[in-house]
Protein backbone atom coordinates (compact mmCIF):
# COMPACT_ATOMS: atom_id res chain seq x y z
CA MET A 1 -11.54 60.60 -30.36
CA SER A 2 -15.18 61.71 -28.66
CA ALA A 3 -15.90 60.64 -24.84
CA SER A 4 -18.90 58.66 -26.30
CA TYR A 5 -16.39 56.31 -28.34
CA ALA A 6 -13.55 56.06 -25.68
CA SER A 7 -16.23 54.57 -23.40
CA VAL A 8 -17.14 51.95 -25.71
CA ALA A 9 -13.78 51.30 -26.37
CA LYS A 10 -12.99 50.89 -22.51
CA GLY A 11 -15.51 48.61 -22.41
CA GLU A 12 -14.50 46.88 -25.20
CA VAL A 13 -11.21 46.10 -22.84
CA HIS A 14 -13.13 45.26 -20.02
CA LEU A 15 -14.96 42.44 -21.69
CA HIS A 16 -12.04 41.98 -23.34
CA ASP A 17 -10.38 40.91 -20.44
CA LYS A 18 -13.19 39.31 -18.62
CA ALA A 19 -13.31 36.51 -21.95
CA ILE A 20 -9.53 36.38 -21.18
CA ASP A 21 -9.75 35.19 -17.46
CA ALA A 22 -12.80 33.08 -17.84
CA LEU A 23 -10.56 31.16 -20.99
CA ASN A 24 -8.02 31.11 -18.33
CA GLU A 25 -10.05 29.78 -15.61
CA GLN A 26 -11.63 27.23 -18.70
CA LYS A 27 -8.07 25.96 -18.96
CA VAL A 28 -7.32 26.11 -15.49
CA VAL A 29 -10.06 23.76 -14.68
CA GLU A 30 -9.54 21.37 -17.70
CA GLU A 31 -6.09 20.97 -16.96
CA SER A 32 -7.08 20.17 -12.96
CA LYS A 33 -9.75 17.47 -14.09
CA ASN A 34 -6.21 15.18 -14.67
CA THR A 35 -4.37 16.11 -11.17
CA VAL A 36 -4.48 14.61 -8.00
CA LEU A 37 -3.21 15.95 -4.88
CA VAL A 38 -2.04 13.62 -2.18
CA SER A 39 -1.05 14.41 1.23
CA GLY A 40 1.58 13.93 2.93
CA ALA A 41 4.41 11.65 1.79
CA GLY A 42 4.67 8.85 4.18
CA LEU A 43 3.96 5.43 3.49
CA VAL A 44 0.15 5.20 2.35
CA GLY A 45 0.69 8.18 0.40
CA SER A 46 3.70 7.59 -1.73
CA LEU A 47 2.45 4.45 -2.37
CA ALA A 48 -0.68 5.80 -3.26
CA ALA A 49 1.12 8.11 -5.55
CA ILE A 50 2.47 5.15 -7.41
CA TYR A 51 -0.90 3.46 -7.90
CA LEU A 52 -2.56 7.37 -9.32
CA ALA A 53 0.00 7.43 -11.55
CA LYS A 54 0.24 4.37 -12.83
CA ARG A 55 -3.87 5.07 -13.31
CA GLY A 56 -2.57 7.80 -15.36
CA TYR A 57 -3.09 10.93 -13.32
CA ASN A 58 -0.88 13.52 -13.06
CA VAL A 59 0.31 13.34 -9.22
CA GLU A 60 1.24 16.50 -6.81
CA VAL A 61 2.39 14.99 -3.40
CA TYR A 62 2.77 17.68 -0.68
CA GLU A 63 4.34 16.65 2.57
CA GLY A 64 5.31 19.61 5.69
CA ARG A 65 8.71 17.14 6.35
CA PRO A 66 12.11 17.81 4.59
CA ASP A 67 12.68 14.98 2.21
CA SER A 68 14.52 12.74 5.27
CA ARG A 69 16.62 11.45 1.97
CA ASN A 70 18.76 14.65 2.26
CA LEU A 71 18.96 14.28 6.38
CA GLU A 72 20.66 11.83 9.18
CA GLY A 73 19.64 11.06 12.51
CA GLN A 74 16.24 12.27 12.33
CA GLN A 75 14.31 10.66 14.63
CA GLY A 76 10.50 10.23 15.12
CA ARG A 77 7.95 7.34 14.88
CA SER A 78 10.51 4.33 14.98
CA ILE A 79 8.49 1.27 16.36
CA ASN A 80 9.56 -0.92 13.27
CA LEU A 81 7.08 -2.18 10.42
CA ALA A 82 5.45 -5.67 10.54
CA LEU A 83 4.90 -6.72 6.79
CA SER A 84 3.05 -9.59 5.69
CA ASN A 85 0.72 -10.60 3.04
CA ARG A 86 -2.05 -7.68 3.12
CA ALA A 87 0.91 -5.06 2.35
CA PHE A 88 3.06 -7.87 0.26
CA ARG A 89 -0.26 -7.52 -1.81
CA ALA A 90 -0.55 -3.90 -2.30
CA LEU A 91 2.94 -3.77 -3.07
CA GLY A 92 3.59 -6.10 -5.47
CA GLY A 93 -0.12 -4.84 -7.31
CA VAL A 94 2.22 -1.91 -8.50
CA ASP A 95 5.39 -4.23 -9.43
CA LYS A 96 6.30 -8.02 -8.30
CA GLN A 97 10.03 -6.71 -8.11
CA ILE A 98 8.75 -4.48 -5.68
CA ILE A 99 8.19 -7.29 -3.28
CA GLU A 100 11.28 -9.01 -3.83
CA GLU A 101 13.34 -5.52 -3.49
CA VAL A 102 11.47 -4.63 0.41
CA HIS A 103 12.67 -8.30 1.44
CA ASN A 104 16.09 -6.99 0.91
CA ILE A 105 16.22 -4.61 3.01
CA GLY A 106 13.67 -6.27 6.03
CA VAL A 107 14.39 -9.71 8.59
CA LYS A 108 11.90 -12.31 8.35
CA MET A 109 10.46 -13.70 11.58
CA PHE A 110 8.81 -16.89 11.74
CA GLY A 111 6.77 -16.41 15.15
CA ARG A 112 6.66 -15.06 18.53
CA TYR A 113 10.20 -16.04 20.81
CA ILE A 114 8.64 -15.40 24.75
CA HIS A 115 10.98 -14.31 27.75
CA LEU A 116 9.43 -15.30 31.05
CA LYS A 117 10.55 -13.54 33.95
CA ASN A 118 11.57 -16.92 35.32
CA GLY A 119 14.16 -17.04 32.83
CA GLN A 120 12.32 -19.59 30.77
CA ASN A 121 12.17 -18.86 26.76
CA THR A 122 9.27 -20.17 24.14
CA PHE A 123 9.09 -19.86 20.40
CA GLN A 124 5.69 -19.86 18.93
CA PRO A 125 5.16 -19.62 15.17
CA TYR A 126 2.85 -18.05 13.68
CA GLY A 127 1.44 -20.21 11.56
CA ARG A 128 2.99 -23.30 9.02
CA GLN A 129 6.74 -22.97 8.59
CA ASP A 130 6.46 -21.28 5.52
CA GLN A 131 4.75 -18.65 7.14
CA TYR A 132 6.45 -15.45 8.10
CA ILE A 133 5.94 -11.46 8.70
CA LEU A 134 8.92 -9.09 7.94
CA SER A 135 10.82 -6.86 9.83
CA VAL A 136 11.38 -3.28 8.44
CA SER A 137 12.59 -0.32 9.40
CA ARG A 138 9.60 2.57 8.65
CA GLY A 139 12.88 4.79 7.39
CA PHE A 140 13.90 2.60 4.79
CA LEU A 141 10.78 1.54 3.26
CA ASN A 142 9.16 5.33 3.53
CA GLU A 143 12.68 6.82 1.47
CA TYR A 144 12.30 3.71 -0.55
CA LEU A 145 8.50 4.07 -1.65
CA MET A 146 9.21 8.14 -1.88
CA THR A 147 11.58 7.10 -4.39
CA LYS A 148 9.59 4.91 -6.87
CA ALA A 149 7.16 7.63 -7.15
CA GLU A 150 9.74 10.10 -7.91
CA GLN A 151 11.04 8.31 -10.76
CA LEU A 152 7.48 8.31 -12.52
CA PRO A 153 7.24 11.52 -14.60
CA ASN A 154 3.67 12.16 -14.07
CA VAL A 155 4.62 12.43 -10.00
CA LYS A 156 6.27 15.59 -8.46
CA LEU A 157 7.16 15.76 -4.73
CA HIS A 158 6.80 18.80 -2.60
CA PHE A 159 8.49 18.67 0.57
CA GLU A 160 8.51 21.28 3.49
CA ASP A 161 5.23 22.28 2.38
CA LYS A 162 1.25 21.08 3.44
CA ILE A 163 -2.41 21.63 2.44
CA THR A 164 -3.79 24.42 4.81
CA GLY A 165 -6.89 24.56 3.26
CA MET A 166 -9.76 23.30 0.57
CA ASN A 167 -12.90 24.79 -0.72
CA LEU A 168 -15.07 21.62 -1.36
CA SER A 169 -18.25 24.22 -2.65
CA LEU A 170 -16.95 24.68 -6.09
CA ASN A 171 -19.17 23.11 -8.98
CA ASP A 172 -17.12 23.14 -11.63
CA GLY A 173 -15.34 18.96 -10.23
CA THR A 174 -12.52 20.48 -8.88
CA ILE A 175 -11.29 21.56 -5.70
CA LYS A 176 -9.22 24.50 -4.54
CA VAL A 177 -6.52 24.52 -2.60
CA GLN A 178 -3.91 26.40 -0.57
CA THR A 179 -0.88 25.10 0.92
CA LYS A 180 1.19 26.70 3.41
CA THR A 181 3.87 28.37 1.12
CA GLY A 182 0.53 30.50 -0.18
CA THR A 183 0.57 28.27 -3.46
CA GLU A 184 -2.86 27.41 -4.58
CA ARG A 185 -3.91 25.32 -7.09
CA ARG A 186 -6.89 23.63 -8.66
CA VAL A 187 -7.04 19.52 -8.20
CA LYS A 188 -9.56 16.78 -9.75
CA LEU A 189 -9.20 14.68 -6.06
CA VAL A 190 -7.51 15.45 -2.77
CA ILE A 191 -5.95 12.14 -1.32
CA GLY A 192 -5.67 12.37 2.33
CA SER A 193 -2.52 10.25 3.88
CA ASP A 194 -1.64 13.08 6.45
CA GLY A 195 -1.53 10.93 9.75
CA VAL A 196 -3.64 10.97 12.77
CA HIS A 197 -3.52 14.80 12.44
CA SER A 198 -4.95 14.93 9.21
CA VAL A 199 -5.90 18.33 7.94
CA VAL A 200 -7.51 17.08 5.18
CA ARG A 201 -9.89 14.96 7.50
CA GLN A 202 -9.95 18.33 9.78
CA VAL A 203 -11.41 20.16 6.73
CA MET A 204 -14.23 17.86 5.96
CA GLN A 205 -15.57 17.90 9.84
CA GLU A 206 -15.40 21.79 9.67
CA TYR A 207 -17.45 21.15 6.18
CA GLY A 208 -20.82 21.18 7.66
CA LYS A 209 -22.10 19.32 4.24
CA ALA A 210 -20.13 16.52 4.67
CA ARG A 211 -21.81 15.68 7.73
CA PHE A 212 -18.85 13.80 9.04
CA GLN A 213 -18.32 11.69 12.44
CA TYR A 214 -15.35 11.32 13.90
CA LEU A 215 -13.93 9.47 17.87
CA GLN A 216 -10.29 9.97 18.49
CA GLN A 217 -8.86 8.21 21.91
CA TYR A 218 -5.98 7.97 23.82
CA VAL A 219 -5.12 4.79 25.28
CA PRO A 220 -3.07 4.29 28.94
CA HIS A 221 0.04 3.30 27.39
CA GLY A 222 2.64 4.99 25.78
CA TYR A 223 5.57 3.52 24.19
CA LYS A 224 9.68 4.60 24.62
CA GLU A 225 12.44 2.93 21.66
CA LEU A 226 15.66 1.48 23.00
CA THR A 227 18.33 -0.20 20.85
CA LEU A 228 20.09 -3.74 21.19
CA GLN A 229 22.90 -3.15 19.48
CA ALA A 230 24.89 -5.79 16.96
CA GLY A 231 27.42 -7.56 18.18
CA PRO A 232 31.03 -8.47 16.63
CA ASN A 233 30.76 -8.44 13.29
CA ASN A 234 27.03 -7.08 13.06
CA LYS A 235 26.33 -10.33 14.89
CA PHE A 236 23.12 -11.16 15.72
CA LEU A 237 22.65 -10.98 20.16
CA MET A 238 18.74 -12.70 19.98
CA ARG A 239 17.84 -15.28 17.62
CA SER A 240 17.08 -13.18 14.45
CA ASP A 241 13.94 -14.90 13.12
CA SER A 242 10.96 -13.86 15.45
CA LEU A 243 9.42 -10.85 17.16
CA HIS A 244 11.13 -11.15 20.73
CA ILE A 245 7.95 -10.62 23.89
CA TRP A 246 8.90 -10.05 27.38
CA PRO A 247 5.32 -10.10 28.46
CA ARG A 248 4.57 -8.46 31.77
CA GLY A 249 0.78 -8.16 32.33
CA ASP A 250 0.15 -4.54 31.91
CA PHE A 251 3.57 -4.02 30.29
CA LEU A 252 5.62 -5.41 28.08
CA LEU A 253 9.00 -5.26 25.73
CA ILE A 254 8.98 -5.65 22.22
CA ALA A 255 12.40 -6.47 20.10
CA LEU A 256 12.69 -6.60 16.44
CA PRO A 257 15.74 -7.45 14.32
CA ASN A 258 17.05 -4.93 11.37
CA ARG A 259 19.36 -6.17 8.19
CA THR A 260 21.87 -4.58 10.59
CA GLY A 261 22.38 -6.99 13.38
CA ASP A 262 20.66 -4.99 16.21
CA PHE A 263 17.26 -4.86 17.19
CA THR A 264 14.86 -2.10 17.14
CA CYS A 265 13.07 -2.48 20.93
CA THR A 266 10.11 -0.58 22.22
CA VAL A 267 9.11 -0.78 26.03
CA PHE A 268 5.14 -0.20 26.38
CA MET A 269 3.65 1.15 29.90
CA ARG A 270 1.11 3.19 31.20
CA MET A 271 2.28 6.83 30.89
CA LYS A 272 0.88 8.19 34.03
CA HIS A 273 0.49 6.40 37.60
CA ASP A 274 -3.13 5.07 38.25
CA GLU A 275 -4.03 4.24 41.47
CA LYS A 276 -6.27 1.43 40.67
CA TYR A 277 -3.08 -0.53 39.31
CA GLU A 278 -1.02 0.18 41.97
CA ASP A 279 1.72 -2.29 40.87
CA SER A 280 2.31 -1.38 37.43
CA PRO A 281 4.95 0.67 36.35
CA SER A 282 4.38 4.19 34.34
CA PHE A 283 6.94 6.94 32.50
CA ASP A 284 6.51 9.28 35.07
CA ARG A 285 7.45 7.73 37.59
CA LEU A 286 10.68 6.40 36.36
CA ASP A 287 12.05 9.86 36.65
CA THR A 288 15.81 8.93 37.51
CA ASP A 289 18.93 6.81 36.60
CA ASP A 290 18.54 4.76 39.24
CA LYS A 291 14.62 3.83 38.46
CA VAL A 292 15.33 3.16 35.21
CA VAL A 293 18.07 0.53 35.71
CA ARG A 294 16.18 -1.41 38.16
CA PHE A 295 13.35 -1.46 36.50
CA ILE A 296 14.79 -2.69 33.37
CA SER A 297 17.37 -5.19 34.99
CA THR A 298 14.42 -6.43 37.42
CA GLU A 299 12.08 -7.05 34.45
CA PHE A 300 13.94 -8.04 31.55
CA PRO A 301 17.57 -9.27 33.03
CA ASP A 302 18.00 -11.26 30.06
CA PHE A 303 17.65 -7.91 27.44
CA TYR A 304 19.31 -5.81 30.25
CA GLN A 305 23.11 -7.94 30.36
CA LEU A 306 22.77 -8.16 26.39
CA ALA A 307 21.79 -4.33 25.97
CA GLY A 308 24.03 -2.96 28.83
CA LYS A 309 23.16 0.14 31.71
CA GLU A 310 25.24 2.68 29.48
CA ARG A 311 23.31 1.82 26.44
CA ILE A 312 19.60 1.50 28.21
CA LEU A 313 20.04 5.33 30.01
CA HIS A 314 21.44 6.86 26.11
CA ASP A 315 18.11 5.52 24.48
CA TRP A 316 16.25 6.11 27.65
CA HIS A 317 17.27 9.98 27.46
CA SER A 318 17.36 10.76 23.72
CA ASN A 319 14.07 8.83 22.25
CA PRO A 320 10.92 10.33 23.09
CA THR A 321 8.08 8.35 25.00
CA SER A 322 5.38 8.60 22.63
CA GLY A 323 1.42 8.32 23.47
CA LEU A 324 -0.90 5.83 21.62
CA MET A 325 -4.28 6.44 20.17
CA HIS A 326 -6.66 5.53 18.17
CA VAL A 327 -8.82 7.52 15.05
CA LYS A 328 -12.38 5.92 13.34
CA CYS A 329 -14.38 7.73 11.11
CA ASP A 330 -16.98 8.11 8.88
CA PRO A 331 -17.64 8.46 6.31
CA TYR A 332 -13.93 8.41 4.51
CA HIS A 333 -15.06 10.30 1.71
CA PHE A 334 -16.43 13.47 0.44
CA LYS A 335 -18.79 13.35 -2.95
CA ASP A 336 -16.41 12.74 -5.36
CA LYS A 337 -13.88 15.24 -3.64
CA CYS A 338 -11.49 14.08 -1.41
CA VAL A 339 -10.71 10.62 0.56
CA LEU A 340 -8.84 9.68 3.29
CA LEU A 341 -6.17 6.57 3.80
CA GLY A 342 -4.19 4.97 5.88
CA ASP A 343 -4.06 6.45 9.59
CA SER A 344 -6.13 9.80 8.67
CA ALA A 345 -9.03 7.60 8.41
CA HIS A 346 -8.42 4.61 11.28
CA ALA A 347 -5.30 5.46 13.29
CA ILE A 348 -4.57 1.96 15.57
CA ILE A 349 -2.53 1.06 17.81
CA PRO A 350 0.39 -0.84 16.95
CA PHE A 351 -0.52 -4.38 19.08
CA TYR A 352 -1.55 -6.69 16.02
CA GLY A 353 1.15 -5.20 13.57
CA GLN A 354 -1.15 -4.61 11.32
CA GLY A 355 -1.18 -0.44 10.55
CA VAL A 356 0.85 -0.32 7.65
CA ASN A 357 -0.83 -3.26 6.13
CA CYS A 358 -4.46 -1.97 6.29
CA GLY A 359 -2.83 1.44 5.09
CA PHE A 360 -1.22 -0.31 2.30
CA GLU A 361 -4.49 -2.11 1.58
CA ASP A 362 -6.55 0.60 2.02
CA VAL A 363 -4.18 1.71 -1.57
CA TYR A 364 -4.98 -1.39 -3.28
CA ILE A 365 -9.24 -1.53 -2.32
CA LEU A 366 -9.21 1.86 -3.60
CA ASP A 367 -7.65 0.95 -6.56
CA GLU A 368 -9.85 -1.82 -6.90
CA MET A 369 -12.73 0.49 -6.74
CA PHE A 370 -11.43 2.61 -9.50
CA LYS A 371 -11.26 -1.20 -11.58
CA LYS A 372 -14.79 -1.44 -11.05
CA TYR A 373 -16.74 1.82 -11.02
CA GLU A 374 -14.35 4.41 -12.32
CA LYS A 375 -16.41 4.87 -15.49
CA GLU A 376 -19.62 5.37 -13.35
CA GLY A 377 -17.71 8.73 -11.21
CA ILE A 378 -15.31 9.14 -8.80
CA GLY A 379 -18.30 9.42 -6.58
CA LYS A 380 -19.08 6.13 -6.96
CA VAL A 381 -15.56 5.27 -6.63
CA LEU A 382 -14.97 6.51 -3.36
CA SER A 383 -18.32 6.10 -1.94
CA MET A 384 -17.68 2.40 -2.54
CA TYR A 385 -14.32 2.50 -0.80
CA THR A 386 -15.86 3.61 1.87
CA GLN A 387 -18.28 1.00 2.16
CA VAL A 388 -15.92 -1.72 2.10
CA ARG A 389 -12.97 -0.61 4.01
CA LYS A 390 -15.05 0.89 7.58
CA PRO A 391 -16.25 -1.96 8.61
CA SER A 392 -12.56 -3.78 8.33
CA CYS A 393 -10.79 -0.78 9.54
CA ASP A 394 -12.87 -0.74 12.83
CA ALA A 395 -12.87 -4.80 13.02
CA ILE A 396 -8.81 -4.53 13.04
CA SER A 397 -9.16 -1.48 15.32
CA ASP A 398 -10.58 -3.26 18.01
CA LEU A 399 -8.68 -6.16 17.38
CA SER A 400 -5.59 -4.42 18.07
CA LYS A 401 -6.97 -3.14 21.40
CA LEU A 402 -7.49 -6.74 22.29
CA ASN A 403 -4.48 -8.39 21.36
CA PHE A 404 -2.31 -6.01 24.22
CA ILE A 405 -3.89 -7.91 26.40
CA GLU A 406 -2.95 -11.18 24.57
CA MET A 407 0.56 -10.08 23.73
CA SER A 408 1.24 -8.52 27.36
CA SER A 409 -0.15 -11.30 29.39
CA LYS A 410 -2.15 -14.59 26.93
CA THR A 411 1.61 -15.32 25.56
CA ALA A 412 2.94 -16.58 29.11
CA SER A 413 -0.25 -18.51 30.42
CA TYR A 414 -0.93 -22.19 29.89
CA SER A 415 -4.53 -21.59 29.20
CA PHE A 416 -3.45 -19.74 25.75
CA LEU A 417 -0.68 -21.73 25.09
CA LEU A 418 -3.35 -25.02 24.91
CA LYS A 419 -5.79 -22.87 23.37
CA ASN A 420 -3.42 -22.07 20.54
CA LYS A 421 -2.65 -25.78 19.93
CA ILE A 422 -5.84 -26.51 19.71
CA GLY A 423 -6.63 -23.95 17.12
CA ASN A 424 -3.41 -24.74 14.57
CA LEU A 425 -4.55 -28.41 15.63
CA LEU A 426 -7.75 -27.96 13.81
CA HIS A 427 -5.77 -25.92 11.28
CA ARG A 428 -4.09 -29.17 10.06
CA LEU A 429 -6.81 -31.28 10.17
CA MET A 430 -9.21 -28.79 8.48
CA PRO A 431 -7.03 -26.54 6.70
CA ASP A 432 -10.02 -25.47 4.03
CA ARG A 433 -12.10 -25.33 6.68
CA TYR A 434 -10.59 -23.77 9.92
CA LEU A 435 -7.67 -20.82 9.99
CA PRO A 436 -6.77 -19.74 13.09
CA LEU A 437 -7.69 -15.94 13.79
CA TYR A 438 -4.10 -14.71 13.69
CA THR A 439 -3.97 -16.42 10.27
CA MET A 440 -7.06 -14.83 8.92
CA VAL A 441 -5.65 -11.95 9.84
CA THR A 442 -2.51 -11.71 8.85
CA PHE A 443 -1.62 -14.48 5.75
CA THR A 444 -5.30 -14.16 4.24
CA PRO A 445 -5.66 -11.01 2.26
CA GLU A 446 -8.35 -12.27 0.19
CA MET A 447 -10.69 -12.53 3.63
CA SER A 448 -11.43 -8.78 4.77
CA TYR A 449 -10.60 -7.83 8.28
CA ALA A 450 -14.34 -7.66 9.54
CA THR A 451 -14.99 -11.53 7.68
CA ALA A 452 -11.77 -12.50 9.59
CA TRP A 453 -13.29 -10.90 13.12
CA SER A 454 -17.02 -12.24 12.54
CA THR A 455 -15.75 -15.54 11.31
CA HIS A 456 -13.50 -15.75 14.50
CA LEU A 457 -16.27 -14.96 17.07
CA ARG A 458 -18.23 -17.58 15.55
CA ARG A 459 -15.64 -20.13 16.02
CA GLU A 460 -14.61 -18.93 19.72
CA LYS A 461 -17.02 -20.60 20.96
CA THR A 462 -16.45 -23.91 19.28
CA VAL A 463 -12.59 -23.65 20.12
CA ALA A 464 -13.46 -22.74 23.81
CA LYS A 465 -15.56 -26.03 24.14
CA VAL A 466 -13.07 -28.18 23.12
CA THR A 467 -10.19 -26.53 25.37
CA HIS A 468 -12.57 -27.03 28.03
CA VAL A 469 -13.50 -30.75 27.49
CA SER A 470 -10.01 -31.07 26.69
CA ALA A 471 -8.23 -29.82 30.61
CA TRP A 472 -10.90 -32.07 31.64
CA LEU A 473 -9.58 -35.13 29.62
CA ILE A 474 -6.41 -34.17 31.12
CA LEU A 475 -7.35 -34.01 34.55
CA ILE A 476 -9.47 -37.28 34.28
CA GLY A 477 -6.32 -38.39 32.77
CA GLY A 478 -3.75 -37.74 35.28
CA LEU A 479 -6.33 -38.39 37.94
CA TYR A 480 -7.10 -42.37 36.33
CA ALA A 481 -2.51 -42.49 36.39
CA VAL A 482 -2.95 -41.97 39.91
CA TYR A 483 -5.88 -44.26 40.79
CA ARG A 484 -3.85 -47.15 39.14
CA TYR A 485 -0.02 -45.78 40.44
CA VAL A 486 -1.52 -46.08 43.66
CA LYS A 487 -3.78 -49.31 43.61
CA SER A 488 -0.65 -51.37 42.28
CA VAL A 489 1.44 -49.74 45.05
CA ALA A 490 -1.64 -50.88 47.64
CA MET A 491 -1.14 -54.26 46.09
CA SER A 492 2.73 -54.46 47.07
CA PRO A 493 3.25 -51.86 49.66
CA PRO A 494 6.66 -51.07 51.31
CA GLN A 495 7.63 -51.72 55.03
CA ASN A 496 7.71 -48.00 55.05
CA THR A 497 5.02 -47.67 57.65
CA GLN A 498 4.45 -44.05 57.11
CA TRP A 499 3.66 -44.57 53.37
CA ARG A 500 1.70 -47.68 54.54
CA ARG A 501 -0.45 -45.31 56.56
CA LEU A 502 -0.51 -42.47 53.18
CA ILE A 503 -2.22 -45.74 51.37
CA ASP A 504 -4.48 -47.01 53.83
CA TYR A 505 -5.81 -43.07 53.57
CA ILE A 506 -5.92 -42.72 49.99
CA TRP A 507 -7.35 -46.25 49.32
CA TYR A 508 -9.64 -46.84 52.42
């Protein structure tokens, strides 16, 4: 073979290899255009995987943690979930049977049961007799949803592997994704449901073209979980139809029932001592067993008697003290390549019980945007998702911060109770025209959080005026009753000289 012929042949081979590579690349791109990668197999990620699979996409879910279904005694985030109508709507959007199955692992709570320090207890219903929130174990629900997702033929879960990087610059309609184990994937869309420390959000922050805004803020308070164990034969030691609250001003204890007869309890208070709040306890100052026992037995005496010193100290040392933070960002998406759901987009503090409800509603609203705008392209779907969700997620974040004040202080005040009663009365008189804020947020999923909040602010002035007038009417009525009583006594006074002098002083 001549040298010139050999060089031509070598060139043909080289061109042939390039053609094969190009064809393979094209095949990878085409196959990836029907694949969605979900980062995080938590509550929101698992539900998102189910929704996307139902829409016909091949779904790959990457989760950095081990599969919790194969482990025992795992500790972590365990504040019980309080599911309400927004979550039920999202779960039912996949399959109505899921709502029934979730109820089988939860306990209905119809109101707050307030434990005052003086030993008096009061029940405050959430709304109508048929309105409730469902207490569910976070772990149980997460495992249930992972199993539901895994049962679908076009969903695959990868554990102990997670996204470490993404290339958002490709112009072929795909995203190149790298994972912890060295895997490199090409996919059509990335769903960031990987929590408050989201890698997907971090990539969006660092990518200059995203023009991404981000706010992260810790609050002074943290939390620690305790357990009130079940009594004999798994009997509840407190009423099980309520969310129990021990409001103490700057700190509080809550307890939610479980199907197993026990209560998941959480102490919320300041992480560190603050001189501006000298009388407020803090986790850093409860550094001995004696201090812990004295604190619990003094501030929550009925809980201390039920739980017992030994169990309280066991939980105090076994369970971590965790901080609380909220996250806001804008936008929730980047072009047609990735979108943030749940805590990745809007982590909120847990004082309105809407964290999981809001996250599930993200998934529901994203699916609604797919229904309306998918023909116009994924970019339009994601853009409308941000436009619809951003105001509402900001609203529930702000409401959650305000509700801490309500739960820790106002639930024990007579003015709060009077205001609640007036609001409930107006709702009964005008059920279609007046809805209390809690009802709008918790039991009215067709109304967005943003609309609920703005409606409440407009009506707050009206309720405040009615409350003010009612208080004055009660005072005037009371004074008039005293006046009538004193007058009647004055007309036929007793013979007691001191009593006579008092009547003369008041009357004359």
